[in-house]
N, C-alpha and C. Protein backbone atom coordinates (compact mmCIF):
# COMPACT_ATOMS: atom_id res chain seq x y z
N UNK A 1 85.87 -18.50 28.24
CA UNK A 1 85.70 -18.03 29.60
C UNK A 1 84.68 -18.93 30.30
N UNK A 2 83.94 -18.40 31.24
CA UNK A 2 82.93 -19.15 31.97
C UNK A 2 81.54 -18.71 31.53
N UNK A 3 80.57 -19.59 31.67
CA UNK A 3 79.21 -19.28 31.25
C UNK A 3 78.54 -18.22 32.11
N UNK A 4 79.07 -17.99 33.31
CA UNK A 4 78.41 -17.04 34.21
C UNK A 4 79.18 -15.72 34.37
N UNK A 5 80.08 -15.40 33.42
CA UNK A 5 80.81 -14.13 33.44
C UNK A 5 80.45 -13.33 32.19
N UNK A 6 80.09 -12.08 32.39
CA UNK A 6 79.74 -11.17 31.30
C UNK A 6 80.55 -9.89 31.50
N UNK A 7 81.57 -9.66 30.68
CA UNK A 7 82.52 -8.57 30.90
C UNK A 7 82.05 -7.27 30.25
N UNK A 8 82.19 -6.18 31.01
CA UNK A 8 81.92 -4.84 30.52
C UNK A 8 83.18 -4.01 30.67
N UNK A 9 83.43 -3.14 29.71
CA UNK A 9 84.52 -2.20 29.82
C UNK A 9 83.97 -0.82 29.52
N UNK A 10 84.15 0.06 30.47
CA UNK A 10 83.70 1.43 30.25
C UNK A 10 84.81 2.19 29.54
N UNK A 11 84.50 2.78 28.42
CA UNK A 11 85.52 3.47 27.63
C UNK A 11 85.61 4.95 27.97
N UNK A 12 85.37 5.30 29.21
CA UNK A 12 85.38 6.71 29.61
C UNK A 12 86.77 7.29 29.81
N UNK A 13 87.77 6.46 30.08
CA UNK A 13 89.10 6.97 30.34
C UNK A 13 89.87 7.02 29.03
N UNK A 14 90.12 8.20 28.58
CA UNK A 14 90.84 8.41 27.34
C UNK A 14 92.28 8.78 27.66
N UNK A 15 93.18 8.52 26.74
CA UNK A 15 94.59 8.85 26.92
C UNK A 15 94.76 10.33 27.23
N UNK A 16 93.98 11.18 26.58
CA UNK A 16 94.07 12.60 26.83
C UNK A 16 93.68 12.94 28.27
N UNK A 17 92.64 12.29 28.79
CA UNK A 17 92.23 12.52 30.17
C UNK A 17 93.34 12.14 31.13
N UNK A 18 93.99 11.00 30.88
CA UNK A 18 95.08 10.55 31.73
C UNK A 18 96.24 11.53 31.65
N UNK A 19 96.58 11.96 30.45
CA UNK A 19 97.66 12.92 30.27
C UNK A 19 97.37 14.22 31.02
N UNK A 20 96.12 14.67 30.96
CA UNK A 20 95.74 15.89 31.68
C UNK A 20 95.94 15.73 33.18
N UNK A 21 95.53 14.56 33.71
CA UNK A 21 95.70 14.30 35.14
C UNK A 21 97.17 14.26 35.53
N UNK A 22 97.99 13.64 34.69
CA UNK A 22 99.43 13.55 34.97
C UNK A 22 100.04 14.95 34.94
N UNK A 23 99.76 15.71 33.90
CA UNK A 23 100.32 17.06 33.79
C UNK A 23 99.86 17.96 34.94
N UNK A 24 98.59 17.84 35.29
CA UNK A 24 98.08 18.66 36.40
C UNK A 24 98.82 18.33 37.70
N UNK A 25 99.01 17.04 37.96
CA UNK A 25 99.70 16.63 39.18
C UNK A 25 101.17 17.01 39.20
N UNK A 26 101.83 16.92 38.06
CA UNK A 26 103.26 17.24 37.99
C UNK A 26 103.52 18.74 37.95
N UNK A 27 102.49 19.53 37.66
CA UNK A 27 102.63 20.98 37.67
C UNK A 27 102.37 21.58 39.06
N UNK A 28 101.98 20.76 40.01
CA UNK A 28 101.76 21.24 41.37
C UNK A 28 103.10 21.45 42.07
N UNK A 29 103.13 22.34 43.05
CA UNK A 29 104.36 22.52 43.82
C UNK A 29 104.75 21.21 44.49
N UNK A 30 103.77 20.56 45.10
CA UNK A 30 103.96 19.22 45.66
C UNK A 30 103.51 18.24 44.58
N UNK A 31 104.45 17.63 43.88
CA UNK A 31 104.14 16.74 42.77
C UNK A 31 103.29 15.56 43.25
N UNK A 32 102.32 15.16 42.41
CA UNK A 32 101.47 14.03 42.77
C UNK A 32 100.92 13.39 41.50
N UNK A 33 100.60 12.13 41.62
CA UNK A 33 99.92 11.39 40.55
C UNK A 33 98.77 10.62 41.18
N UNK A 34 97.65 10.50 40.47
CA UNK A 34 96.53 9.71 41.02
C UNK A 34 96.96 8.25 41.16
N UNK A 35 96.65 7.66 42.30
CA UNK A 35 97.05 6.27 42.57
C UNK A 35 96.44 5.30 41.56
N UNK A 36 95.32 5.68 40.96
CA UNK A 36 94.68 4.77 40.00
C UNK A 36 95.58 4.45 38.81
N UNK A 37 96.57 5.30 38.55
CA UNK A 37 97.48 5.06 37.44
C UNK A 37 98.42 3.88 37.69
N UNK A 38 98.53 3.44 38.92
CA UNK A 38 99.45 2.37 39.27
C UNK A 38 98.80 0.99 39.24
N UNK A 39 97.50 0.92 38.95
CA UNK A 39 96.79 -0.35 39.05
C UNK A 39 96.67 -1.09 37.73
N UNK A 40 97.84 -1.46 37.18
CA UNK A 40 97.89 -2.43 36.12
C UNK A 40 98.07 -3.80 36.80
N UNK A 41 98.40 -4.83 36.07
CA UNK A 41 98.55 -6.16 36.67
C UNK A 41 99.62 -6.14 37.77
N UNK A 42 100.78 -5.57 37.48
CA UNK A 42 101.88 -5.55 38.45
C UNK A 42 101.51 -4.71 39.67
N UNK A 43 100.92 -3.55 39.44
CA UNK A 43 100.52 -2.69 40.55
C UNK A 43 99.50 -3.36 41.46
N UNK A 44 98.57 -4.10 40.86
CA UNK A 44 97.56 -4.82 41.64
C UNK A 44 98.21 -5.92 42.47
N UNK A 45 99.18 -6.63 41.88
CA UNK A 45 99.89 -7.67 42.62
C UNK A 45 100.65 -7.08 43.80
N UNK A 46 101.31 -5.94 43.57
CA UNK A 46 102.04 -5.28 44.66
C UNK A 46 101.10 -4.83 45.77
N UNK A 47 99.94 -4.28 45.39
CA UNK A 47 98.98 -3.85 46.40
C UNK A 47 98.47 -5.04 47.22
N UNK A 48 98.22 -6.18 46.57
CA UNK A 48 97.81 -7.38 47.31
C UNK A 48 98.88 -7.80 48.31
N UNK A 49 100.14 -7.70 47.91
CA UNK A 49 101.24 -8.04 48.83
C UNK A 49 101.28 -7.06 50.00
N UNK A 50 101.07 -5.79 49.71
CA UNK A 50 101.04 -4.78 50.77
C UNK A 50 99.92 -5.09 51.75
N UNK A 51 98.75 -5.48 51.22
CA UNK A 51 97.59 -5.77 52.07
C UNK A 51 97.85 -6.94 53.03
N UNK A 52 98.77 -7.81 52.69
CA UNK A 52 99.09 -8.95 53.54
C UNK A 52 100.17 -8.66 54.58
N UNK A 53 100.74 -7.46 54.56
CA UNK A 53 101.76 -7.10 55.54
C UNK A 53 101.11 -6.76 56.88
N UNK A 54 101.77 -7.13 57.97
CA UNK A 54 101.26 -6.79 59.30
C UNK A 54 101.14 -5.28 59.48
N UNK A 55 102.05 -4.54 58.88
CA UNK A 55 102.06 -3.09 59.02
C UNK A 55 100.85 -2.43 58.35
N UNK A 56 100.28 -3.10 57.36
CA UNK A 56 99.11 -2.56 56.67
C UNK A 56 97.88 -3.23 57.29
N UNK A 57 97.42 -2.63 58.37
CA UNK A 57 96.38 -3.25 59.19
C UNK A 57 94.97 -3.08 58.62
N UNK A 58 94.78 -2.22 57.63
CA UNK A 58 93.43 -1.92 57.15
C UNK A 58 92.69 -3.16 56.65
N UNK A 59 93.34 -3.95 55.82
CA UNK A 59 92.68 -5.13 55.25
C UNK A 59 92.29 -6.10 56.34
N UNK A 60 93.20 -6.38 57.26
CA UNK A 60 92.90 -7.33 58.34
C UNK A 60 91.79 -6.77 59.25
N UNK A 61 91.78 -5.47 59.46
CA UNK A 61 90.73 -4.84 60.27
C UNK A 61 89.38 -4.98 59.57
N UNK A 62 89.33 -4.73 58.26
CA UNK A 62 88.09 -4.88 57.50
C UNK A 62 87.59 -6.32 57.53
N UNK A 63 88.51 -7.27 57.35
CA UNK A 63 88.13 -8.69 57.40
C UNK A 63 87.59 -9.05 58.77
N UNK A 64 88.23 -8.55 59.81
CA UNK A 64 87.75 -8.80 61.18
C UNK A 64 86.35 -8.26 61.39
N UNK A 65 86.09 -7.05 60.90
CA UNK A 65 84.75 -6.46 61.02
C UNK A 65 83.74 -7.31 60.27
N UNK A 66 84.10 -7.74 59.06
CA UNK A 66 83.19 -8.59 58.28
C UNK A 66 82.89 -9.90 59.02
N UNK A 67 83.92 -10.55 59.52
CA UNK A 67 83.73 -11.84 60.20
C UNK A 67 82.84 -11.68 61.42
N UNK A 68 83.10 -10.64 62.22
CA UNK A 68 82.31 -10.44 63.45
C UNK A 68 80.85 -10.09 63.16
N UNK A 69 80.61 -9.48 62.01
CA UNK A 69 79.26 -8.97 61.73
C UNK A 69 78.61 -9.59 60.49
N UNK A 70 79.17 -10.68 59.99
CA UNK A 70 78.74 -11.20 58.70
C UNK A 70 77.27 -11.63 58.67
N UNK A 71 76.79 -12.22 59.75
CA UNK A 71 75.39 -12.65 59.77
C UNK A 71 74.45 -11.45 59.66
N UNK A 72 74.74 -10.41 60.41
CA UNK A 72 73.90 -9.21 60.36
C UNK A 72 74.00 -8.53 58.99
N UNK A 73 75.21 -8.44 58.46
CA UNK A 73 75.41 -7.83 57.14
C UNK A 73 74.61 -8.59 56.09
N UNK A 74 74.73 -9.91 56.09
CA UNK A 74 74.01 -10.73 55.10
C UNK A 74 72.50 -10.58 55.25
N UNK A 75 72.02 -10.52 56.48
CA UNK A 75 70.57 -10.40 56.66
C UNK A 75 70.08 -9.03 56.21
N UNK A 76 70.88 -7.99 56.42
CA UNK A 76 70.49 -6.65 55.97
C UNK A 76 70.52 -6.54 54.44
N UNK A 77 71.46 -7.23 53.82
CA UNK A 77 71.52 -7.24 52.35
C UNK A 77 70.30 -7.96 51.79
N UNK A 78 69.95 -9.07 52.41
CA UNK A 78 68.74 -9.79 52.02
C UNK A 78 68.95 -10.80 50.91
N UNK A 79 67.87 -11.50 50.60
CA UNK A 79 67.90 -12.54 49.56
C UNK A 79 67.84 -11.92 48.17
N UNK A 80 68.34 -12.68 47.20
CA UNK A 80 68.28 -12.34 45.78
C UNK A 80 68.79 -10.93 45.50
N UNK A 81 69.90 -10.57 46.13
CA UNK A 81 70.45 -9.22 45.96
C UNK A 81 71.36 -9.14 44.74
N UNK A 82 71.59 -7.93 44.32
CA UNK A 82 72.60 -7.63 43.32
C UNK A 82 73.72 -6.95 44.08
N UNK A 83 74.86 -7.62 44.21
CA UNK A 83 75.98 -7.11 44.99
C UNK A 83 76.94 -6.37 44.05
N UNK A 84 77.19 -5.09 44.34
CA UNK A 84 78.10 -4.26 43.54
C UNK A 84 79.26 -3.85 44.45
N UNK A 85 80.47 -4.01 43.93
CA UNK A 85 81.65 -3.66 44.73
C UNK A 85 82.58 -2.76 43.94
N UNK A 86 82.81 -1.56 44.47
CA UNK A 86 83.75 -0.62 43.87
C UNK A 86 85.16 -0.96 44.35
N UNK A 87 86.10 -1.06 43.44
CA UNK A 87 87.47 -1.39 43.81
C UNK A 87 87.58 -2.80 44.33
N UNK A 88 87.05 -3.74 43.58
CA UNK A 88 86.95 -5.13 44.03
C UNK A 88 88.29 -5.82 44.19
N UNK A 89 89.29 -5.39 43.44
CA UNK A 89 90.62 -6.01 43.55
C UNK A 89 90.55 -7.51 43.38
N UNK A 90 91.11 -8.23 44.33
CA UNK A 90 91.14 -9.69 44.25
C UNK A 90 89.83 -10.33 44.73
N UNK A 91 88.90 -9.53 45.22
CA UNK A 91 87.60 -10.00 45.73
C UNK A 91 87.73 -10.93 46.93
N UNK A 92 88.80 -10.82 47.67
CA UNK A 92 89.04 -11.66 48.85
C UNK A 92 87.93 -11.47 49.90
N UNK A 93 87.61 -10.23 50.20
CA UNK A 93 86.57 -9.96 51.21
C UNK A 93 85.18 -10.30 50.69
N UNK A 94 85.01 -10.22 49.38
CA UNK A 94 83.72 -10.52 48.76
C UNK A 94 83.29 -11.95 49.04
N UNK A 95 84.25 -12.86 49.05
CA UNK A 95 83.95 -14.27 49.29
C UNK A 95 83.29 -14.47 50.66
N UNK A 96 83.72 -13.69 51.65
CA UNK A 96 83.10 -13.79 52.98
C UNK A 96 81.61 -13.44 52.90
N UNK A 97 81.31 -12.41 52.13
CA UNK A 97 79.92 -12.00 51.99
C UNK A 97 79.14 -13.01 51.15
N UNK A 98 79.69 -13.41 50.01
CA UNK A 98 78.98 -14.35 49.13
C UNK A 98 78.68 -15.67 49.83
N UNK A 99 79.58 -16.11 50.70
CA UNK A 99 79.37 -17.37 51.43
C UNK A 99 78.17 -17.30 52.37
N UNK A 100 77.75 -16.09 52.73
CA UNK A 100 76.65 -15.94 53.69
C UNK A 100 75.36 -15.39 53.08
N UNK A 101 75.39 -15.00 51.83
CA UNK A 101 74.18 -14.47 51.19
C UNK A 101 73.27 -15.60 50.75
N UNK A 102 71.98 -15.33 50.75
CA UNK A 102 70.99 -16.31 50.29
C UNK A 102 70.61 -16.00 48.85
N UNK A 103 70.98 -16.89 47.96
CA UNK A 103 70.62 -16.79 46.54
C UNK A 103 70.89 -15.41 45.93
N UNK A 104 72.12 -14.92 45.98
CA UNK A 104 72.37 -13.63 45.33
C UNK A 104 72.10 -13.73 43.83
N UNK A 105 71.52 -12.69 43.27
CA UNK A 105 71.18 -12.67 41.85
C UNK A 105 72.41 -12.52 40.98
N UNK A 106 73.29 -11.58 41.36
CA UNK A 106 74.48 -11.33 40.56
C UNK A 106 75.48 -10.53 41.39
N UNK A 107 76.70 -10.54 40.89
CA UNK A 107 77.79 -9.78 41.51
C UNK A 107 78.44 -8.93 40.43
N UNK A 108 78.62 -7.64 40.72
CA UNK A 108 79.26 -6.72 39.79
C UNK A 108 80.52 -6.16 40.45
N UNK A 109 81.66 -6.77 40.16
CA UNK A 109 82.92 -6.19 40.65
C UNK A 109 83.37 -5.09 39.70
N UNK A 110 83.76 -3.95 40.25
CA UNK A 110 84.21 -2.84 39.43
C UNK A 110 85.65 -2.51 39.84
N UNK A 111 86.54 -2.53 38.86
CA UNK A 111 87.94 -2.23 39.16
C UNK A 111 88.60 -1.64 37.93
N UNK A 112 89.67 -0.92 38.17
CA UNK A 112 90.40 -0.27 37.08
C UNK A 112 91.41 -1.22 36.44
N UNK A 113 91.81 -2.26 37.17
CA UNK A 113 92.80 -3.21 36.68
C UNK A 113 92.09 -4.36 35.95
N UNK A 114 92.09 -4.32 34.63
CA UNK A 114 91.38 -5.31 33.83
C UNK A 114 91.87 -6.73 34.10
N UNK A 115 93.19 -6.91 34.14
CA UNK A 115 93.76 -8.24 34.32
C UNK A 115 93.32 -8.86 35.64
N UNK A 116 93.44 -8.10 36.72
CA UNK A 116 93.05 -8.63 38.02
C UNK A 116 91.55 -8.85 38.09
N UNK A 117 90.79 -7.97 37.49
CA UNK A 117 89.33 -8.10 37.46
C UNK A 117 88.91 -9.42 36.81
N UNK A 118 89.50 -9.74 35.68
CA UNK A 118 89.16 -10.97 34.97
C UNK A 118 89.65 -12.18 35.75
N UNK A 119 90.85 -12.11 36.29
CA UNK A 119 91.40 -13.23 37.06
C UNK A 119 90.53 -13.54 38.28
N UNK A 120 90.16 -12.52 39.03
CA UNK A 120 89.34 -12.77 40.22
C UNK A 120 87.92 -13.20 39.83
N UNK A 121 87.40 -12.69 38.71
CA UNK A 121 86.07 -13.10 38.25
C UNK A 121 86.06 -14.57 37.84
N UNK A 122 87.10 -15.01 37.17
CA UNK A 122 87.19 -16.42 36.78
C UNK A 122 87.23 -17.32 38.01
N UNK A 123 88.00 -16.92 39.00
CA UNK A 123 88.10 -17.70 40.24
C UNK A 123 86.75 -17.76 40.95
N UNK A 124 86.06 -16.62 41.03
CA UNK A 124 84.73 -16.59 41.65
C UNK A 124 83.74 -17.43 40.85
N UNK A 125 83.82 -17.37 39.53
CA UNK A 125 82.89 -18.12 38.68
C UNK A 125 83.03 -19.63 38.92
N UNK A 126 84.26 -20.07 39.15
CA UNK A 126 84.47 -21.50 39.43
C UNK A 126 83.90 -21.88 40.79
N UNK A 127 84.07 -21.01 41.77
CA UNK A 127 83.61 -21.31 43.13
C UNK A 127 82.13 -21.05 43.35
N UNK A 128 81.55 -20.19 42.53
CA UNK A 128 80.12 -19.85 42.64
C UNK A 128 79.48 -20.00 41.25
N UNK A 129 79.32 -21.23 40.77
CA UNK A 129 78.86 -21.46 39.40
C UNK A 129 77.43 -20.99 39.12
N UNK A 130 76.62 -20.79 40.14
CA UNK A 130 75.24 -20.33 39.94
C UNK A 130 75.09 -18.82 40.04
N UNK A 131 76.21 -18.14 40.26
CA UNK A 131 76.19 -16.69 40.40
C UNK A 131 76.60 -16.03 39.09
N UNK A 132 75.75 -15.16 38.57
CA UNK A 132 76.12 -14.38 37.38
C UNK A 132 77.07 -13.27 37.83
N UNK A 133 78.18 -13.15 37.11
CA UNK A 133 79.19 -12.16 37.45
C UNK A 133 79.36 -11.22 36.27
N UNK A 134 79.26 -9.93 36.54
CA UNK A 134 79.38 -8.89 35.53
C UNK A 134 80.56 -7.99 35.86
N UNK A 135 81.79 -8.43 35.58
CA UNK A 135 82.95 -7.58 35.89
C UNK A 135 82.95 -6.34 35.00
N UNK A 136 83.20 -5.20 35.62
CA UNK A 136 83.22 -3.93 34.90
C UNK A 136 84.58 -3.29 35.11
N UNK A 137 85.30 -3.12 34.01
CA UNK A 137 86.58 -2.42 34.07
C UNK A 137 86.28 -0.94 33.85
N UNK A 138 86.46 -0.16 34.91
CA UNK A 138 86.13 1.26 34.83
C UNK A 138 86.84 2.03 35.92
N UNK A 139 87.01 3.29 35.68
CA UNK A 139 87.52 4.22 36.68
C UNK A 139 86.29 4.73 37.43
N UNK A 140 86.06 4.20 38.62
CA UNK A 140 84.83 4.57 39.33
C UNK A 140 84.91 5.94 40.00
N UNK A 141 86.00 6.68 39.75
CA UNK A 141 86.01 8.07 40.19
C UNK A 141 85.30 8.95 39.15
N UNK A 142 84.95 8.33 38.02
CA UNK A 142 84.17 9.00 36.97
C UNK A 142 82.75 8.43 36.98
N UNK A 143 81.80 9.10 36.35
CA UNK A 143 80.43 8.56 36.31
C UNK A 143 80.40 7.17 35.67
N UNK A 144 79.63 6.27 36.27
CA UNK A 144 79.50 4.90 35.76
C UNK A 144 78.25 4.81 34.90
N UNK A 145 78.42 5.07 33.64
CA UNK A 145 77.32 5.13 32.68
C UNK A 145 76.56 3.81 32.61
N UNK A 146 77.26 2.69 32.72
CA UNK A 146 76.63 1.38 32.57
C UNK A 146 75.55 1.14 33.62
N UNK A 147 75.64 1.76 34.78
CA UNK A 147 74.65 1.52 35.83
C UNK A 147 73.25 1.93 35.40
N UNK A 148 73.16 2.89 34.50
CA UNK A 148 71.86 3.33 34.02
C UNK A 148 71.12 2.19 33.32
N UNK A 149 71.85 1.31 32.66
CA UNK A 149 71.20 0.21 31.93
C UNK A 149 70.79 -0.94 32.84
N UNK A 150 71.29 -0.98 34.07
CA UNK A 150 70.94 -2.06 34.97
C UNK A 150 69.47 -2.02 35.39
N UNK A 151 68.86 -0.88 35.31
CA UNK A 151 67.46 -0.78 35.69
C UNK A 151 66.56 -1.55 34.73
N UNK A 152 67.11 -1.94 33.56
CA UNK A 152 66.33 -2.67 32.57
C UNK A 152 66.50 -4.17 32.70
N UNK A 153 67.28 -4.63 33.65
CA UNK A 153 67.51 -6.08 33.81
C UNK A 153 66.33 -6.70 34.52
């Protein structure tokens, strides 16, 4: 891998927990499944394609907000920050922020899709070789136990 990537996997999601969520959703009058179950490699690729559609305006709106306000956002974040992102996905919007931050200490992308998390972390590691990246594969709808250990860094 790269010298500036340190991978964490939270083992909080057990097969039994997933089965319970599926059964609970399918036992409802209005059947439902948590969307997090769709975010394997293929699901993440499909979501990225959806985000690029004109009809799915959310991503473009978020990018527009970031671009218009990036200087203020970066100044409020400050120097030598630890940037944590829940649901980092492809980290496309993260690059806008990283390009404007002054000497960020580290970046912690958190996502449920391990494959996409590693792929985007490798790409970021190549483009930001001085940035330590700590990708965390976890279901962030559950408690993030690893955050407790960050206070010791």
